[in-house]
Amino acid sequence: MQRPDAGSLPMAVRNQLNMHINMVVLTPEIEKMVFPDNEKQLCPLSSHLKGWALLRLETVQSGHFFAPEVPKDFNLHDYIRNQITYRLESNI
C-alpha cells in the first residue's frame, strides 16, 4: 500500500497484519502507521542505496532488510536449470 492510514485500511485489519515493510524514506507519520508499537527509533538509510527496506515480522523488532541487486539480463529459469544440471552431474 502507498499509505496504510485508517481511510485506506481499517485499524482492526492493519493491527492483524504479520509483516510490515517500508520501502520509502521513513517519516514520523509513516513510522506510526506502519510500525505503531516499535520500541527502538528506526533510522532510515541513505535514499541513494538500492534494495533496502525496513521490515518487521510478527512481534520481532523492526530491522533493515537488504535485497540483492539482480542484473537486468538475469534469467531465473536458466539459472535454476543450470543449477539442477550442475548438481545432477556432480552427484554422478
C-alpha atoms as a PDB file:
ATOM      1  CA  MET A   1       0.000   0.000   0.000  1.00  0.00           C
ATOM      2  CA  GLN A   2       1.120   3.516  -0.621  1.00  0.00           C
ATOM      3  CA  ARG A   3      -0.403   4.893   2.561  1.00  0.00           C
ATOM      4  CA  PRO A   4      -1.849   2.492   5.166  1.00  0.00           C
ATOM      5  CA  ASP A   5      -3.883   5.070   7.073  1.00  0.00           C
ATOM      6  CA  ALA A   6      -7.309   4.479   8.619  1.00  0.00           C
ATOM      7  CA  GLY A   7      -9.030   5.791   5.479  1.00  0.00           C
ATOM      8  CA  SER A   8      -7.416   3.057   3.331  1.00  0.00           C
ATOM      9  CA  LEU A   9      -7.208   0.166   5.764  1.00  0.00           C
ATOM     10  CA  PRO A  10      -9.240  -0.123   8.986  1.00  0.00           C
ATOM     11  CA  MET A  11      -7.132  -0.165  12.166  1.00  0.00           C
ATOM     12  CA  ALA A  12      -8.565  -3.574  13.186  1.00  0.00           C
ATOM     13  CA  VAL A  13      -7.281  -5.103   9.944  1.00  0.00           C
ATOM     14  CA  ARG A  14      -3.943  -3.259   9.976  1.00  0.00           C
ATOM     15  CA  ASN A  15      -3.175  -4.466  13.503  1.00  0.00           C
ATOM     16  CA  GLN A  16      -3.617  -8.098  12.417  1.00  0.00           C
ATOM     17  CA  LEU A  17      -1.012  -7.990   9.641  1.00  0.00           C
ATOM     18  CA  ASN A  18       2.019 -10.178  10.418  1.00  0.00           C
ATOM     19  CA  MET A  19       4.513  -8.493   8.104  1.00  0.00           C
ATOM     20  CA  HIS A  20       5.161  -4.778   7.812  1.00  0.00           C
ATOM     21  CA  ILE A  21       7.542  -3.436   5.178  1.00  0.00           C
ATOM     22  CA  ASN A  22       8.511   0.148   4.494  1.00  0.00           C
ATOM     23  CA  MET A  23      10.380   0.757   1.233  1.00  0.00           C
ATOM     24  CA  VAL A  24      10.454   4.565   1.222  1.00  0.00           C
ATOM     25  CA  VAL A  25      12.187   7.153   3.344  1.00  0.00           C
ATOM     26  CA  LEU A  26      10.568   6.930   6.763  1.00  0.00           C
ATOM     27  CA  THR A  27       8.687   9.955   8.081  1.00  0.00           C
ATOM     28  CA  PRO A  28       7.301  10.137  11.635  1.00  0.00           C
ATOM     29  CA  GLU A  29       3.747   9.722  10.294  1.00  0.00           C
ATOM     30  CA  ILE A  30       4.625   6.637   8.242  1.00  0.00           C
ATOM     31  CA  GLU A  31       6.522   5.154  11.183  1.00  0.00           C
ATOM     32  CA  LYS A  32       3.429   5.495  13.414  1.00  0.00           C
ATOM     33  CA  MET A  33       1.212   3.874  10.758  1.00  0.00           C
ATOM     34  CA  VAL A  34       3.489   1.009   9.709  1.00  0.00           C
ATOM     35  CA  PHE A  35       5.365   0.309  12.972  1.00  0.00           C
ATOM     36  CA  PRO A  36       2.998   1.602  15.701  1.00  0.00           C
ATOM     37  CA  ASP A  37       4.441  -0.389  18.621  1.00  0.00           C
ATOM     38  CA  ASN A  38       8.119  -0.293  17.731  1.00  0.00           C
ATOM     39  CA  GLU A  39      10.382   0.202  20.764  1.00  0.00           C
ATOM     40  CA  LYS A  40      13.519   1.474  19.034  1.00  0.00           C
ATOM     41  CA  GLN A  41      13.908   4.508  16.845  1.00  0.00           C
ATOM     42  CA  LEU A  42      14.189   3.480  13.211  1.00  0.00           C
ATOM     43  CA  CYS A  43      16.998   5.176  11.326  1.00  0.00           C
ATOM     44  CA  PRO A  44      16.402   5.402   7.592  1.00  0.00           C
ATOM     45  CA  LEU A  45      19.341   4.555   5.389  1.00  0.00           C
ATOM     46  CA  SER A  46      20.532   6.695   2.522  1.00  0.00           C
ATOM     47  CA  SER A  47      17.980   7.321  -0.219  1.00  0.00           C
ATOM     48  CA  HIS A  48      20.786   6.532  -2.693  1.00  0.00           C
ATOM     49  CA  LEU A  49      21.028   2.882  -1.604  1.00  0.00           C
ATOM     50  CA  LYS A  50      19.124   0.343  -3.688  1.00  0.00           C
ATOM     51  CA  GLY A  51      17.366  -2.743  -2.391  1.00  0.00           C
ATOM     52  CA  TRP A  52      16.814  -1.875   1.276  1.00  0.00           C
ATOM     53  CA  ALA A  53      13.688  -1.653   3.340  1.00  0.00           C
ATOM     54  CA  LEU A  54      12.549  -1.633   6.943  1.00  0.00           C
ATOM     55  CA  LEU A  55      10.864  -4.895   7.893  1.00  0.00           C
ATOM     56  CA  ARG A  56       9.046  -6.365  10.865  1.00  0.00           C
ATOM     57  CA  LEU A  57       7.738  -9.932  11.060  1.00  0.00           C
ATOM     58  CA  GLU A  58       5.012 -10.615  13.629  1.00  0.00           C
ATOM     59  CA  THR A  59       6.298  -9.484  17.032  1.00  0.00           C
ATOM     60  CA  VAL A  60      10.024  -9.299  16.197  1.00  0.00           C
ATOM     61  CA  GLN A  61      11.533  -5.817  16.440  1.00  0.00           C
ATOM     62  CA  SER A  62      11.921  -3.966  13.168  1.00  0.00           C
ATOM     63  CA  GLY A  63      15.200  -4.012  11.310  1.00  0.00           C
ATOM     64  CA  HIS A  64      16.789  -3.373   7.945  1.00  0.00           C
ATOM     65  CA  PHE A  65      16.339  -5.757   5.041  1.00  0.00           C
ATOM     66  CA  PHE A  66      18.671  -5.801   2.035  1.00  0.00           C
ATOM     67  CA  ALA A  67      17.655  -7.428  -1.247  1.00  0.00           C
ATOM     68  CA  PRO A  68      20.314  -8.398  -3.754  1.00  0.00           C
ATOM     69  CA  GLU A  69      20.558  -6.322  -6.902  1.00  0.00           C
ATOM     70  CA  VAL A  70      19.691  -8.531  -9.869  1.00  0.00           C
ATOM     71  CA  PRO A  71      21.148  -7.632 -13.278  1.00  0.00           C
ATOM     72  CA  LYS A  72      18.580  -6.735 -15.945  1.00  0.00           C
ATOM     73  CA  ASP A  73      19.671  -9.599 -18.193  1.00  0.00           C
ATOM     74  CA  PHE A  74      19.323 -12.233 -15.412  1.00  0.00           C
ATOM     75  CA  ASN A  75      17.121 -15.180 -16.410  1.00  0.00           C
ATOM     76  CA  LEU A  76      15.817 -17.095 -13.394  1.00  0.00           C
ATOM     77  CA  HIS A  77      14.717 -20.115 -15.440  1.00  0.00           C
ATOM     78  CA  ASP A  78      18.180 -20.521 -16.986  1.00  0.00           C
ATOM     79  CA  TYR A  79      19.825 -20.127 -13.580  1.00  0.00           C
ATOM     80  CA  ILE A  80      17.647 -22.837 -11.997  1.00  0.00           C
ATOM     81  CA  ARG A  81      18.135 -25.139 -14.993  1.00  0.00           C
ATOM     82  CA  ASN A  82      21.926 -24.712 -14.768  1.00  0.00           C
ATOM     83  CA  GLN A  83      21.926 -25.337 -11.008  1.00  0.00           C
ATOM     84  CA  ILE A  84      19.895 -28.531 -11.393  1.00  0.00           C
ATOM     85  CA  THR A  85      22.191 -29.764 -14.175  1.00  0.00           C
ATOM     86  CA  TYR A  86      25.306 -28.929 -12.155  1.00  0.00           C
ATOM     87  CA  ARG A  87      24.028 -30.727  -9.051  1.00  0.00           C
ATOM     88  CA  LEU A  88      22.949 -33.794 -11.003  1.00  0.00           C
ATOM     89  CA  GLU A  89      26.335 -34.026 -12.738  1.00  0.00           C
ATOM     90  CA  SER A  90      28.298 -33.559  -9.517  1.00  0.00           C
ATOM     91  CA  ASN A  91      26.386 -36.435  -7.842  1.00  0.00           C
ATOM     92  CA  ILE A  92      27.293 -38.928 -10.562  1.00  0.00           C
END
